[in-house]
Amino acid sequence: MGSQVFIGIQRILVAFDASPHAEHALDVALSMAANMKAKLFVITVIRAPEPAESAEFHAVLEEGQQRYEKCFIPLRERAKQQDIELETDIVLGHLAEQIIHKADTIQASLIVMGKRSHTILHRWMLGSNSVRALRYAHCPVMIVH
């Protein structure tokens, strides 16, 4: 079997939740995409309320979609100014699962995520989405501090 040839980073997936950490990760990913002529994919994951009542479920989804679409307006302009091909996606579900699924679907070369501060107890009980992505993604994961 022949060795794989490194073809560079062609598709960058960024997890975005409008937090300062995610904004910083997005800035890093935009810079990388511009420098490497890579396509940039931005995924936002909305968590469903638990238990998911039908009316509440739809309200949370609609509010989240409206909120993030507003966040994507300046992002699209920045990407256009830097000649970066951009695709955004707003999905419902568990953050780490959706990021990994999207990375697989688009055959991402790299996942970029912002570091979130949680207590040690929270990380121990629930785990970290960053750790899950690092553990299960098929491609490298960059955690931006």
C-alpha atoms as a PDB file:
ATOM      1  CA  MET A   1       0.000   0.000   0.000  1.00  0.00           C
ATOM      2  CA  GLY A   2       1.430   3.393  -0.988  1.00  0.00           C
ATOM      3  CA  SER A   3       1.853   6.283   1.398  1.00  0.00           C
ATOM      4  CA  GLN A   4      -0.708   9.061   1.467  1.00  0.00           C
ATOM      5  CA  VAL A   5       0.379  12.367   0.042  1.00  0.00           C
ATOM      6  CA  PHE A   6      -0.404  15.398   2.174  1.00  0.00           C
ATOM      7  CA  ILE A   7      -2.735  17.579   0.147  1.00  0.00           C
ATOM      8  CA  GLY A   8      -3.228  20.281   2.748  1.00  0.00           C
ATOM      9  CA  ILE A   9      -6.236  21.573   4.526  1.00  0.00           C
ATOM     10  CA  GLN A  10      -9.098  21.934   2.078  1.00  0.00           C
ATOM     11  CA  ARG A  11     -12.189  21.974   4.326  1.00  0.00           C
ATOM     12  CA  ILE A  12     -12.291  23.615   7.761  1.00  0.00           C
ATOM     13  CA  LEU A  13     -15.255  23.037  10.052  1.00  0.00           C
ATOM     14  CA  VAL A  14     -15.834  25.567  12.847  1.00  0.00           C
ATOM     15  CA  ALA A  15     -18.184  24.997  15.775  1.00  0.00           C
ATOM     16  CA  PHE A  16     -19.912  28.308  16.500  1.00  0.00           C
ATOM     17  CA  ASP A  17     -22.179  29.325  19.383  1.00  0.00           C
ATOM     18  CA  ALA A  18     -21.655  33.134  19.337  1.00  0.00           C
ATOM     19  CA  SER A  19     -19.593  32.998  22.562  1.00  0.00           C
ATOM     20  CA  PRO A  20     -16.324  34.966  22.790  1.00  0.00           C
ATOM     21  CA  HIS A  21     -14.431  31.645  22.589  1.00  0.00           C
ATOM     22  CA  ALA A  22     -16.273  30.688  19.405  1.00  0.00           C
ATOM     23  CA  GLU A  23     -15.724  34.146  17.901  1.00  0.00           C
ATOM     24  CA  HIS A  24     -11.989  33.773  18.490  1.00  0.00           C
ATOM     25  CA  ALA A  25     -11.990  30.268  16.960  1.00  0.00           C
ATOM     26  CA  LEU A  26     -13.864  31.659  13.968  1.00  0.00           C
ATOM     27  CA  ASP A  27     -11.265  34.421  13.519  1.00  0.00           C
ATOM     28  CA  VAL A  28      -8.483  31.805  13.528  1.00  0.00           C
ATOM     29  CA  ALA A  29     -10.376  29.596  11.071  1.00  0.00           C
ATOM     30  CA  LEU A  30     -11.084  32.536   8.719  1.00  0.00           C
ATOM     31  CA  SER A  31      -7.393  33.415   8.687  1.00  0.00           C
ATOM     32  CA  MET A  32      -6.413  29.811   8.010  1.00  0.00           C
ATOM     33  CA  ALA A  33      -9.015  29.436   5.259  1.00  0.00           C
ATOM     34  CA  ALA A  34      -7.787  32.620   3.557  1.00  0.00           C
ATOM     35  CA  ASN A  35      -4.150  31.558   3.751  1.00  0.00           C
ATOM     36  CA  MET A  36      -4.784  27.974   2.623  1.00  0.00           C
ATOM     37  CA  LYS A  37      -7.550  28.700   0.113  1.00  0.00           C
ATOM     38  CA  ALA A  38      -9.753  26.274   2.065  1.00  0.00           C
ATOM     39  CA  LYS A  39     -13.532  26.129   2.150  1.00  0.00           C
ATOM     40  CA  LEU A  40     -14.973  27.140   5.507  1.00  0.00           C
ATOM     41  CA  PHE A  41     -17.961  25.372   7.047  1.00  0.00           C
ATOM     42  CA  VAL A  42     -19.575  26.828  10.158  1.00  0.00           C
ATOM     43  CA  ILE A  43     -21.913  24.679  12.234  1.00  0.00           C
ATOM     44  CA  THR A  44     -24.148  25.879  15.023  1.00  0.00           C
ATOM     45  CA  VAL A  45     -25.887  23.304  17.164  1.00  0.00           C
ATOM     46  CA  ILE A  46     -29.068  24.141  19.024  1.00  0.00           C
ATOM     47  CA  ARG A  47     -29.866  21.903  21.964  1.00  0.00           C
ATOM     48  CA  ALA A  48     -33.485  20.821  22.274  1.00  0.00           C
ATOM     49  CA  PRO A  49     -35.255  21.508  25.559  1.00  0.00           C
ATOM     50  CA  GLU A  50     -35.662  18.479  27.785  1.00  0.00           C
ATOM     51  CA  PRO A  51     -38.245  17.113  27.858  1.00  0.00           C
ATOM     52  CA  ALA A  52     -38.972  18.356  24.366  1.00  0.00           C
ATOM     53  CA  GLU A  53     -42.539  19.665  24.322  1.00  0.00           C
ATOM     54  CA  SER A  54     -43.688  20.233  20.761  1.00  0.00           C
ATOM     55  CA  ALA A  55     -44.496  23.956  21.087  1.00  0.00           C
ATOM     56  CA  GLU A  56     -41.379  24.680  23.153  1.00  0.00           C
ATOM     57  CA  PHE A  57     -39.235  22.642  20.766  1.00  0.00           C
ATOM     58  CA  HIS A  58     -40.343  24.684  17.752  1.00  0.00           C
ATOM     59  CA  ALA A  59     -39.966  27.982  19.622  1.00  0.00           C
ATOM     60  CA  VAL A  60     -36.397  27.136  20.692  1.00  0.00           C
ATOM     61  CA  LEU A  61     -35.477  26.050  17.170  1.00  0.00           C
ATOM     62  CA  GLU A  62     -37.007  29.123  15.530  1.00  0.00           C
ATOM     63  CA  GLU A  63     -35.427  31.549  18.025  1.00  0.00           C
ATOM     64  CA  GLY A  64     -32.039  29.881  17.602  1.00  0.00           C
ATOM     65  CA  GLN A  65     -32.213  29.955  13.821  1.00  0.00           C
ATOM     66  CA  GLN A  66     -33.107  33.652  13.807  1.00  0.00           C
ATOM     67  CA  ARG A  67     -30.347  34.500  16.294  1.00  0.00           C
ATOM     68  CA  TYR A  68     -27.612  32.650  14.420  1.00  0.00           C
ATOM     69  CA  GLU A  69     -28.699  33.802  10.964  1.00  0.00           C
ATOM     70  CA  LYS A  70     -28.145  37.379  12.238  1.00  0.00           C
ATOM     71  CA  CYS A  71     -24.679  36.335  13.471  1.00  0.00           C
ATOM     72  CA  PHE A  72     -23.876  34.886  10.044  1.00  0.00           C
ATOM     73  CA  ILE A  73     -24.558  38.143   8.145  1.00  0.00           C
ATOM     74  CA  PRO A  74     -21.222  39.827   9.055  1.00  0.00           C
ATOM     75  CA  LEU A  75     -19.457  36.459   8.768  1.00  0.00           C
ATOM     76  CA  ARG A  76     -20.632  36.062   5.190  1.00  0.00           C
ATOM     77  CA  GLU A  77     -19.397  39.575   4.396  1.00  0.00           C
ATOM     78  CA  ARG A  78     -15.977  38.883   5.940  1.00  0.00           C
ATOM     79  CA  ALA A  79     -15.677  35.621   4.000  1.00  0.00           C
ATOM     80  CA  LYS A  80     -16.678  37.355   0.764  1.00  0.00           C
ATOM     81  CA  GLN A  81     -14.105  40.127   1.302  1.00  0.00           C
ATOM     82  CA  GLN A  82     -11.386  37.500   1.802  1.00  0.00           C
ATOM     83  CA  ASP A  83     -12.594  35.365  -1.132  1.00  0.00           C
ATOM     84  CA  ILE A  84     -13.392  32.430   1.161  1.00  0.00           C
ATOM     85  CA  GLU A  85     -16.030  29.928   0.140  1.00  0.00           C
ATOM     86  CA  LEU A  86     -18.396  29.659   3.122  1.00  0.00           C
ATOM     87  CA  GLU A  87     -21.214  27.331   4.092  1.00  0.00           C
ATOM     88  CA  THR A  88     -23.244  27.678   7.292  1.00  0.00           C
ATOM     89  CA  ASP A  89     -25.482  25.124   8.952  1.00  0.00           C
ATOM     90  CA  ILE A  90     -27.785  25.337  11.961  1.00  0.00           C
ATOM     91  CA  VAL A  91     -28.765  21.945  13.346  1.00  0.00           C
ATOM     92  CA  LEU A  92     -30.558  20.553  16.366  1.00  0.00           C
ATOM     93  CA  GLY A  93     -28.986  17.948  18.623  1.00  0.00           C
ATOM     94  CA  HIS A  94     -26.013  17.121  20.810  1.00  0.00           C
ATOM     95  CA  LEU A  95     -23.018  19.363  20.107  1.00  0.00           C
ATOM     96  CA  ALA A  96     -20.203  16.815  19.844  1.00  0.00           C
ATOM     97  CA  GLU A  97     -22.303  14.314  17.888  1.00  0.00           C
ATOM     98  CA  GLN A  98     -23.419  16.916  15.371  1.00  0.00           C
ATOM     99  CA  ILE A  99     -19.894  18.296  14.912  1.00  0.00           C
ATOM    100  CA  ILE A 100     -18.473  14.830  14.304  1.00  0.00           C
ATOM    101  CA  HIS A 101     -21.322  13.947  11.938  1.00  0.00           C
ATOM    102  CA  LYS A 102     -20.846  17.164   9.948  1.00  0.00           C
ATOM    103  CA  ALA A 103     -17.071  16.632   9.807  1.00  0.00           C
ATOM    104  CA  ASP A 104     -17.646  13.141   8.400  1.00  0.00           C
ATOM    105  CA  THR A 105     -20.277  14.346   5.935  1.00  0.00           C
ATOM    106  CA  ILE A 106     -18.155  17.132   4.469  1.00  0.00           C
ATOM    107  CA  GLN A 107     -14.885  15.192   4.822  1.00  0.00           C
ATOM    108  CA  ALA A 108     -13.386  17.996   6.911  1.00  0.00           C
ATOM    109  CA  SER A 109      -9.619  18.352   6.963  1.00  0.00           C
ATOM    110  CA  LEU A 110      -9.730  20.148  10.321  1.00  0.00           C
ATOM    111  CA  ILE A 111     -12.225  20.991  13.065  1.00  0.00           C
ATOM    112  CA  VAL A 112     -11.734  24.281  14.916  1.00  0.00           C
ATOM    113  CA  MET A 113     -13.424  24.836  18.274  1.00  0.00           C
ATOM    114  CA  GLY A 114     -13.184  27.454  20.991  1.00  0.00           C
ATOM    115  CA  LYS A 115     -12.234  26.369  24.496  1.00  0.00           C
ATOM    116  CA  ARG A 116     -15.059  26.629  26.979  1.00  0.00           C
ATOM    117  CA  SER A 117     -14.367  27.018  30.670  1.00  0.00           C
ATOM    118  CA  HIS A 118     -16.154  24.541  32.883  1.00  0.00           C
ATOM    119  CA  THR A 119     -15.569  23.389  36.402  1.00  0.00           C
ATOM    120  CA  ILE A 120     -13.702  20.147  36.953  1.00  0.00           C
ATOM    121  CA  LEU A 121     -16.897  18.599  38.332  1.00  0.00           C
ATOM    122  CA  HIS A 122     -18.841  19.569  35.202  1.00  0.00           C
ATOM    123  CA  ARG A 123     -16.191  18.066  32.910  1.00  0.00           C
ATOM    124  CA  TRP A 124     -16.047  14.891  35.016  1.00  0.00           C
ATOM    125  CA  MET A 125     -19.824  14.407  35.096  1.00  0.00           C
ATOM    126  CA  LEU A 126     -20.725  15.458  31.569  1.00  0.00           C
ATOM    127  CA  GLY A 127     -17.478  15.274  29.689  1.00  0.00           C
ATOM    128  CA  SER A 128     -16.319  17.984  27.347  1.00  0.00           C
ATOM    129  CA  ASN A 129     -17.548  18.473  23.813  1.00  0.00           C
ATOM    130  CA  SER A 130     -13.984  19.342  22.816  1.00  0.00           C
ATOM    131  CA  VAL A 131     -12.695  16.097  24.326  1.00  0.00           C
ATOM    132  CA  ARG A 132     -15.395  14.111  22.552  1.00  0.00           C
ATOM    133  CA  ALA A 133     -14.524  15.741  19.246  1.00  0.00           C
ATOM    134  CA  LEU A 134     -10.820  15.067  19.820  1.00  0.00           C
ATOM    135  CA  ARG A 135     -11.555  11.447  20.662  1.00  0.00           C
ATOM    136  CA  TYR A 136     -14.002  10.561  17.891  1.00  0.00           C
ATOM    137  CA  ALA A 137     -13.370  12.854  14.910  1.00  0.00           C
ATOM    138  CA  HIS A 138     -11.674  11.369  11.863  1.00  0.00           C
ATOM    139  CA  CYS A 139      -9.563  14.507  11.366  1.00  0.00           C
ATOM    140  CA  PRO A 140      -7.405  16.780  13.525  1.00  0.00           C
ATOM    141  CA  VAL A 141      -9.187  19.054  16.012  1.00  0.00           C
ATOM    142  CA  MET A 142      -7.787  22.458  16.946  1.00  0.00           C
ATOM    143  CA  ILE A 143      -8.902  23.933  20.269  1.00  0.00           C
ATOM    144  CA  VAL A 144      -8.436  27.709  20.249  1.00  0.00           C
ATOM    145  CA  HIS A 145      -7.841  29.376  23.625  1.00  0.00           C
END
